[in-house]
Amino acid sequence: MTKKILISGAAGFLGFSTSKRLLEEGFKVLGIDNLNPYYSVRLKEARLKILSSYTEFLFEKVDLIDKMRIEALFLDFKPQCVIHYAAQAGVRYSLIDPYSYAQSNVSGSIPILESCRKGGIEHFILASSSSVYGMNRIIPFKVNHPADHPVSIYAATKKAAELIAHAYSHLFEIPISCLRFFTVYGPWGRPDMAYYKFTQSIYSEQPIEVYAEGKLKRDYTYVDDVVEAVIRLIDSPPKKGKEQLGDFTDPSISTAPFRIHNVGNRQPEDIITLVKLIENYLGKKAHIKFLPMPPGDVECTYADTTTLEKEIGYSPKTSLEEGIRRFVQWFCTEGYRF
């Protein structure tokens, strides 16, 4: 029997990319999204147009906090697995409109989890972020490192969603995998992210803004590698853990069927390297305006993916050079329109 997957945020970057791969592999997908205008709705509609060409794709425009509609969709579709991508994204915008983050990322998680509880799903996969590591300075970031000191409102709401998910896992024995993604990029990506904005500006011969002299480092993770990890994990729901002895508690392990994993490329690169790659593939020179590091940002992200390697044999394949080559190629044929 064809497995049914519900994906929230299906018109978003990761929601679209994961849905497309699942449909190509014969899964039946129900995508939900509210098509909010944080970035180009035309881009989201273009993604949905591609997904709608698959006969096994269904789409419903719905807001996460519409609990009656969410519950009705679960009852009708009866998903075996839920991949919860929907969230208000962006570190810097969370300083401007914190209310939208609390509503989408925190309150919006509860109707989905309630429906999972009532529907008895096999696996709930929650999209989190490397941002939750906040003030942590020990690198690479490991899932057993504390994530108790976020430095942005966005990060705080993602951490809150993790905690709510753990409570549901503990109380109702819902198998939940929490995935902390590290700077995902690639074709059909988000125009608010640095790699996309840099490409757009260099392409249009406009100046780009680079923070902290370009010395900030990010663990850029190509979208296909992320989707591969998510798809492999679908059939590997976590099981209940054993009671831990002594004073030490690993925050990534629980007696509930709940586990945390990092999804990253394991290779941090500085921003200037990113800019040079974009220059190379566009064949144009960037006009750089250097600015101080903004509030809410961190100096470096670097994923330790040991738990995923053990669980599903995860190993990222795509170098930043190859990933940016593919992105720029897509941008020059389609992405510039958005």
Protein backbone atom coordinates (compact mmCIF):
# COMPACT_ATOMS: atom_id res chain seq x y z
CA MET A 1 0.00 0.00 0.00
CA THR A 2 1.27 3.48 -0.90
CA LYS A 3 2.48 5.30 2.19
CA LYS A 4 0.76 8.60 2.89
CA ILE A 5 2.88 11.56 4.04
CA LEU A 6 1.52 14.90 5.24
CA ILE A 7 3.94 17.79 4.76
CA SER A 8 3.31 21.16 6.36
CA GLY A 9 4.93 24.13 4.66
CA ALA A 10 4.75 22.25 1.33
CA ALA A 11 5.12 25.47 -0.71
CA GLY A 12 8.33 26.32 1.15
CA PHE A 13 11.84 25.43 0.07
CA LEU A 14 12.28 22.19 2.03
CA GLY A 15 8.60 21.27 1.87
CA PHE A 16 8.63 21.52 -1.92
CA SER A 17 11.96 19.69 -2.31
CA THR A 18 10.92 16.83 -0.02
CA SER A 19 7.44 16.54 -1.54
CA LYS A 20 8.88 16.33 -5.05
CA ARG A 21 11.30 13.57 -4.10
CA LEU A 22 8.58 11.59 -2.30
CA LEU A 23 6.24 11.87 -5.27
CA GLU A 24 9.00 10.71 -7.61
CA GLU A 25 9.40 7.64 -5.39
CA GLY A 26 5.67 6.79 -5.43
CA PHE A 27 4.47 8.18 -2.10
CA LYS A 28 1.13 9.95 -1.74
CA VAL A 29 1.60 13.47 -0.36
CA LEU A 30 -0.82 15.94 1.20
CA GLY A 31 0.79 19.36 1.33
CA ILE A 32 -0.52 22.18 3.48
CA ASP A 33 0.64 25.79 3.49
CA ASN A 34 -0.81 29.25 4.20
CA LEU A 35 1.27 30.91 1.43
CA ASN A 36 2.27 33.78 3.72
CA PRO A 37 3.99 36.75 2.01
CA TYR A 38 7.23 36.77 4.06
CA TYR A 39 8.94 36.18 0.71
CA SER A 40 7.71 35.89 -2.90
CA VAL A 41 4.33 34.17 -3.11
CA ARG A 42 4.98 33.79 -6.85
CA LEU A 43 7.91 31.53 -6.02
CA LYS A 44 5.74 29.43 -3.70
CA GLU A 45 3.04 29.17 -6.37
CA ALA A 46 5.64 28.12 -8.95
CA ARG A 47 6.79 25.33 -6.63
CA LEU A 48 3.18 24.19 -6.11
CA LYS A 49 2.59 24.17 -9.86
CA ILE A 50 5.40 21.64 -10.25
CA LEU A 51 4.06 19.48 -7.40
CA SER A 52 0.52 19.62 -8.81
CA SER A 53 1.72 17.89 -11.98
CA TYR A 54 1.97 14.66 -9.91
CA THR A 55 -1.29 12.72 -9.59
CA GLU A 56 -0.48 11.63 -6.02
CA PHE A 57 -0.15 15.21 -4.73
CA LEU A 58 -2.95 16.96 -2.87
CA PHE A 59 -2.77 20.53 -1.59
CA GLU A 60 -4.79 22.51 0.93
CA LYS A 61 -4.25 26.16 1.73
CA VAL A 62 -4.67 26.36 5.49
CA ASP A 63 -3.15 28.16 8.46
CA LEU A 64 -1.55 26.05 11.17
CA ILE A 65 -3.65 27.61 13.92
CA ASP A 66 -6.91 26.61 12.20
CA LYS A 67 -7.19 23.55 14.41
CA MET A 68 -10.58 22.41 13.08
CA ARG A 69 -9.36 22.33 9.46
CA ILE A 70 -6.09 20.65 10.45
CA GLU A 71 -7.92 17.94 12.36
CA ALA A 72 -10.37 17.40 9.48
CA LEU A 73 -7.51 17.02 7.00
CA PHE A 74 -5.85 14.42 9.21
CA LEU A 75 -9.09 12.48 9.57
CA ASP A 76 -9.69 12.50 5.82
CA PHE A 77 -6.13 11.80 4.59
CA LYS A 78 -4.98 9.50 7.42
CA PRO A 79 -1.21 10.07 7.06
CA GLN A 80 1.24 7.49 8.40
CA CYS A 81 4.04 10.06 8.70
CA VAL A 82 4.02 13.84 9.19
CA ILE A 83 6.94 16.08 8.21
CA HIS A 84 6.44 19.43 9.89
CA TYR A 85 8.37 22.12 8.02
CA ALA A 86 5.88 24.98 8.34
CA ALA A 87 7.29 27.87 10.38
CA GLN A 88 8.03 31.56 10.25
CA ALA A 89 11.64 31.64 9.06
CA GLY A 90 14.42 34.21 9.33
CA VAL A 91 16.63 35.27 12.24
CA ARG A 92 16.66 39.03 11.57
CA TYR A 93 12.95 39.40 10.81
CA SER A 94 12.17 37.94 14.25
CA LEU A 95 13.42 41.23 15.72
CA ILE A 96 10.83 43.09 13.65
CA ASP A 97 7.77 40.87 14.08
CA PRO A 98 8.24 38.49 17.04
CA TYR A 99 4.49 37.87 17.27
CA SER A 100 4.41 36.00 13.96
CA TYR A 101 7.16 33.66 15.25
CA ALA A 102 5.32 32.85 18.45
CA GLN A 103 2.11 32.20 16.51
CA SER A 104 3.58 30.07 13.70
CA ASN A 105 6.47 28.28 15.38
CA VAL A 106 5.01 27.71 18.83
CA SER A 107 1.19 27.92 18.75
CA GLY A 108 1.11 26.51 15.22
CA SER A 109 2.84 23.31 16.30
CA ILE A 110 0.09 22.29 18.70
CA PRO A 111 -2.80 21.60 16.25
CA ILE A 112 -0.44 19.42 14.20
CA LEU A 113 0.72 17.50 17.27
CA GLU A 114 -2.84 17.16 18.59
CA SER A 115 -3.92 15.68 15.28
CA CYS A 116 -0.95 13.30 15.37
CA ARG A 117 -1.98 12.22 18.87
CA LYS A 118 -5.55 11.50 17.79
CA GLY A 119 -4.53 9.90 14.49
CA GLY A 120 -1.89 7.54 15.86
CA ILE A 121 0.78 8.32 13.28
CA GLU A 122 3.89 6.18 12.90
CA HIS A 123 6.45 9.00 12.83
CA PHE A 124 6.48 12.78 13.30
CA ILE A 125 9.51 14.58 11.86
CA LEU A 126 10.03 18.11 13.17
CA ALA A 127 12.15 20.68 11.34
CA SER A 128 14.30 22.61 13.80
CA SER A 129 17.40 24.72 13.28
CA SER A 130 21.08 25.00 14.13
CA SER A 131 20.12 28.42 15.53
CA VAL A 132 18.99 26.73 18.76
CA TYR A 133 22.65 26.23 19.76
CA GLY A 134 22.83 29.98 20.37
CA MET A 135 25.71 30.90 22.68
CA ASN A 136 27.33 27.47 22.40
CA ARG A 137 30.98 27.93 21.35
CA ILE A 138 32.08 24.30 21.33
CA ILE A 139 32.43 23.09 17.74
CA PRO A 140 31.36 21.04 15.99
CA PHE A 141 27.84 21.36 17.44
CA LYS A 142 26.75 18.03 18.87
CA VAL A 143 23.21 17.04 19.76
CA ASN A 144 24.27 16.37 23.35
CA HIS A 145 25.45 19.98 23.76
CA PRO A 146 23.11 22.24 25.73
CA ALA A 147 20.86 24.49 23.65
CA ASP A 148 19.50 26.64 26.45
CA HIS A 149 20.79 30.10 25.50
CA PRO A 150 19.33 31.22 22.15
CA VAL A 151 20.52 34.57 20.79
CA SER A 152 17.53 35.28 18.54
CA ILE A 153 13.76 35.19 18.97
CA TYR A 154 13.57 32.84 15.99
CA ALA A 155 15.90 30.38 17.73
CA ALA A 156 13.92 30.61 20.96
CA THR A 157 10.69 29.69 19.17
CA LYS A 158 12.34 26.74 17.41
CA LYS A 159 13.65 25.49 20.75
CA ALA A 160 10.17 25.94 22.24
CA ALA A 161 8.72 23.80 19.43
CA GLU A 162 11.27 21.08 20.24
CA LEU A 163 10.23 21.12 23.90
CA ILE A 164 6.52 20.96 23.09
CA ALA A 165 7.17 18.05 20.72
CA HIS A 166 9.09 16.22 23.44
CA ALA A 167 6.19 16.64 25.88
CA TYR A 168 3.80 15.11 23.32
CA SER A 169 6.22 12.27 22.68
CA HIS A 170 6.51 11.56 26.41
CA LEU A 171 2.81 11.85 27.20
CA PHE A 172 1.36 10.06 24.18
CA GLU A 173 4.29 7.92 22.97
CA ILE A 174 4.42 9.63 19.57
CA PRO A 175 7.69 8.71 17.81
CA ILE A 176 9.32 12.07 17.04
CA SER A 177 12.57 12.90 15.26
CA CYS A 178 13.74 16.48 15.69
CA LEU A 179 16.08 17.62 12.91
CA ARG A 180 18.33 20.64 13.37
CA PHE A 181 19.12 21.88 9.87
CA PHE A 182 22.30 23.80 9.08
CA THR A 183 21.99 26.59 6.43
CA VAL A 184 20.17 24.71 3.70
CA TYR A 185 20.64 26.09 0.17
CA GLY A 186 20.05 25.15 -3.45
CA PRO A 187 17.69 25.58 -6.44
CA TRP A 188 14.18 26.78 -5.57
CA GLY A 189 15.59 28.18 -2.31
CA ARG A 190 14.53 31.12 -0.17
CA PRO A 191 15.20 34.61 -1.58
CA ASP A 192 15.74 36.02 1.93
CA MET A 193 18.86 33.90 2.48
CA ALA A 194 22.35 35.29 1.90
CA TYR A 195 23.40 33.04 -0.99
CA TYR A 196 20.23 33.93 -2.95
CA LYS A 197 20.41 37.66 -2.16
CA PHE A 198 24.11 37.79 -3.09
CA THR A 199 23.42 36.04 -6.38
CA GLN A 200 20.50 38.34 -7.18
CA SER A 201 22.51 41.48 -6.42
CA ILE A 202 25.68 40.41 -8.23
CA TYR A 203 23.59 39.32 -11.24
CA SER A 204 21.92 42.77 -11.27
CA GLU A 205 25.24 44.54 -10.59
CA GLN A 206 23.98 45.89 -7.28
CA PRO A 207 26.09 46.08 -4.08
CA ILE A 208 25.89 43.29 -1.50
CA GLU A 209 26.01 43.66 2.28
CA VAL A 210 28.52 41.39 4.01
CA TYR A 211 28.71 41.23 7.79
CA ALA A 212 31.78 40.98 10.04
CA GLU A 213 34.25 41.41 7.16
CA GLY A 214 33.02 38.16 5.63
CA LYS A 215 34.54 36.09 8.44
CA LEU A 216 31.29 34.51 9.66
CA LYS A 217 31.26 30.78 8.91
CA ARG A 218 28.28 28.62 8.02
CA ASP A 219 27.88 24.89 7.51
CA TYR A 220 26.16 25.20 4.11
CA THR A 221 24.11 22.07 3.41
CA TYR A 222 22.84 21.31 -0.07
CA VAL A 223 19.11 20.67 -0.28
CA ASP A 224 19.38 17.23 -1.93
CA ASP A 225 21.54 16.00 0.95
CA VAL A 226 18.96 17.24 3.45
CA VAL A 227 16.07 15.60 1.59
CA GLU A 228 18.01 12.32 1.43
CA ALA A 229 18.40 12.36 5.22
CA VAL A 230 14.70 13.09 5.78
CA ILE A 231 13.51 10.37 3.38
CA ARG A 232 15.80 7.74 4.89
CA LEU A 233 14.55 8.64 8.35
CA ILE A 234 10.85 8.16 7.55
CA ASP A 235 10.98 4.42 8.19
CA SER A 236 13.28 4.75 11.24
CA PRO A 237 11.08 6.18 14.01
CA PRO A 238 12.79 6.45 17.40
CA LYS A 239 11.99 4.01 20.17
CA LYS A 240 11.64 4.64 23.88
CA GLY A 241 14.99 5.00 25.64
CA LYS A 242 16.20 3.53 28.90
CA GLU A 243 16.38 5.40 32.17
CA GLN A 244 19.70 7.21 32.50
CA LEU A 245 21.73 6.73 35.63
CA GLY A 246 23.80 9.31 37.54
CA ASP A 247 23.85 13.08 37.32
CA PHE A 248 24.67 13.35 33.59
CA THR A 249 21.76 13.69 31.22
CA ASP A 250 22.22 13.72 27.46
CA PRO A 251 19.64 16.25 26.16
CA SER A 252 19.47 14.43 22.82
CA ILE A 253 18.26 11.15 24.37
CA SER A 254 14.99 10.59 26.19
CA THR A 255 12.98 7.81 27.76
CA ALA A 256 10.28 9.02 25.34
CA PRO A 257 10.46 7.87 21.67
CA PHE A 258 12.12 11.18 20.84
CA ARG A 259 15.51 11.86 19.26
CA ILE A 260 17.41 14.91 18.06
CA HIS A 261 19.68 14.85 15.00
CA ASN A 262 21.86 17.44 13.27
CA VAL A 263 21.60 17.62 9.48
CA GLY A 264 24.62 19.44 8.11
CA ASN A 265 27.50 19.25 5.65
CA ARG A 266 30.19 19.00 8.38
CA GLN A 267 32.27 21.66 6.59
CA PRO A 268 31.89 25.32 7.66
CA GLU A 269 32.89 27.91 5.05
CA ASP A 270 33.30 31.66 5.46
CA ILE A 271 31.03 34.12 3.70
CA ILE A 272 33.79 35.47 1.44
CA THR A 273 34.32 31.97 0.03
CA LEU A 274 30.61 31.86 -0.77
CA VAL A 275 30.78 35.26 -2.51
CA LYS A 276 33.79 34.21 -4.60
CA LEU A 277 32.04 31.06 -5.78
CA ILE A 278 28.98 33.05 -6.84
CA GLU A 279 31.23 35.56 -8.65
CA ASN A 280 32.97 32.72 -10.45
CA TYR A 281 29.80 31.03 -11.70
CA LEU A 282 28.05 34.28 -12.62
CA GLY A 283 31.16 35.69 -14.27
CA LYS A 284 30.60 39.01 -12.50
CA LYS A 285 32.38 40.86 -9.70
CA ALA A 286 30.62 41.66 -6.41
CA HIS A 287 30.49 45.22 -5.07
CA ILE A 288 30.80 44.59 -1.33
CA LYS A 289 29.64 46.85 1.48
CA PHE A 290 31.01 45.55 4.79
CA LEU A 291 28.80 45.95 7.87
CA PRO A 292 29.15 45.01 11.58
CA MET A 293 27.78 41.70 12.78
CA PRO A 294 24.02 42.13 13.43
CA PRO A 295 22.25 41.16 16.66
CA GLY A 296 20.98 37.58 16.74
CA ASP A 297 23.76 36.20 14.53
CA VAL A 298 26.46 33.71 15.53
CA GLU A 299 30.08 33.54 14.36
CA CYS A 300 30.13 29.91 13.22
CA THR A 301 27.88 26.90 12.71
CA TYR A 302 29.34 23.42 12.30
CA ALA A 303 27.34 20.19 12.46
CA ASP A 304 28.36 16.92 14.02
CA THR A 305 26.10 14.36 12.28
CA THR A 306 27.26 11.23 14.11
CA THR A 307 23.78 10.23 15.26
CA LEU A 308 22.38 10.25 11.71
CA GLU A 309 25.38 8.34 10.42
CA LYS A 310 24.67 5.60 12.95
CA GLU A 311 20.90 5.66 12.46
CA ILE A 312 20.53 5.83 8.67
CA GLY A 313 24.04 5.91 7.20
CA TYR A 314 23.71 9.61 6.42
CA SER A 315 26.65 11.20 4.68
CA PRO A 316 26.38 14.52 2.78
CA LYS A 317 27.69 14.30 -0.79
CA THR A 318 27.61 17.83 -2.19
CA SER A 319 30.47 20.31 -1.80
CA LEU A 320 29.71 24.02 -1.53
CA GLU A 321 31.41 24.57 -4.89
CA GLU A 322 29.17 22.05 -6.66
CA GLY A 323 26.04 23.17 -4.82
CA ILE A 324 26.56 26.83 -5.71
CA ARG A 325 27.27 25.87 -9.32
CA ARG A 326 23.89 24.11 -9.48
CA PHE A 327 22.12 26.99 -7.74
CA VAL A 328 23.59 29.67 -10.02
CA GLN A 329 22.69 27.60 -13.07
CA TRP A 330 19.08 27.39 -11.84
CA PHE A 331 19.03 31.08 -10.91
CA CYS A 332 20.17 32.17 -14.39
CA THR A 333 17.45 30.12 -16.05
CA GLU A 334 14.56 30.58 -13.59
CA GLY A 335 15.45 32.01 -10.19
CA TYR A 336 16.07 35.60 -11.32
CA ARG A 337 12.32 35.93 -11.99
CA PHE A 338 11.43 35.71 -8.30
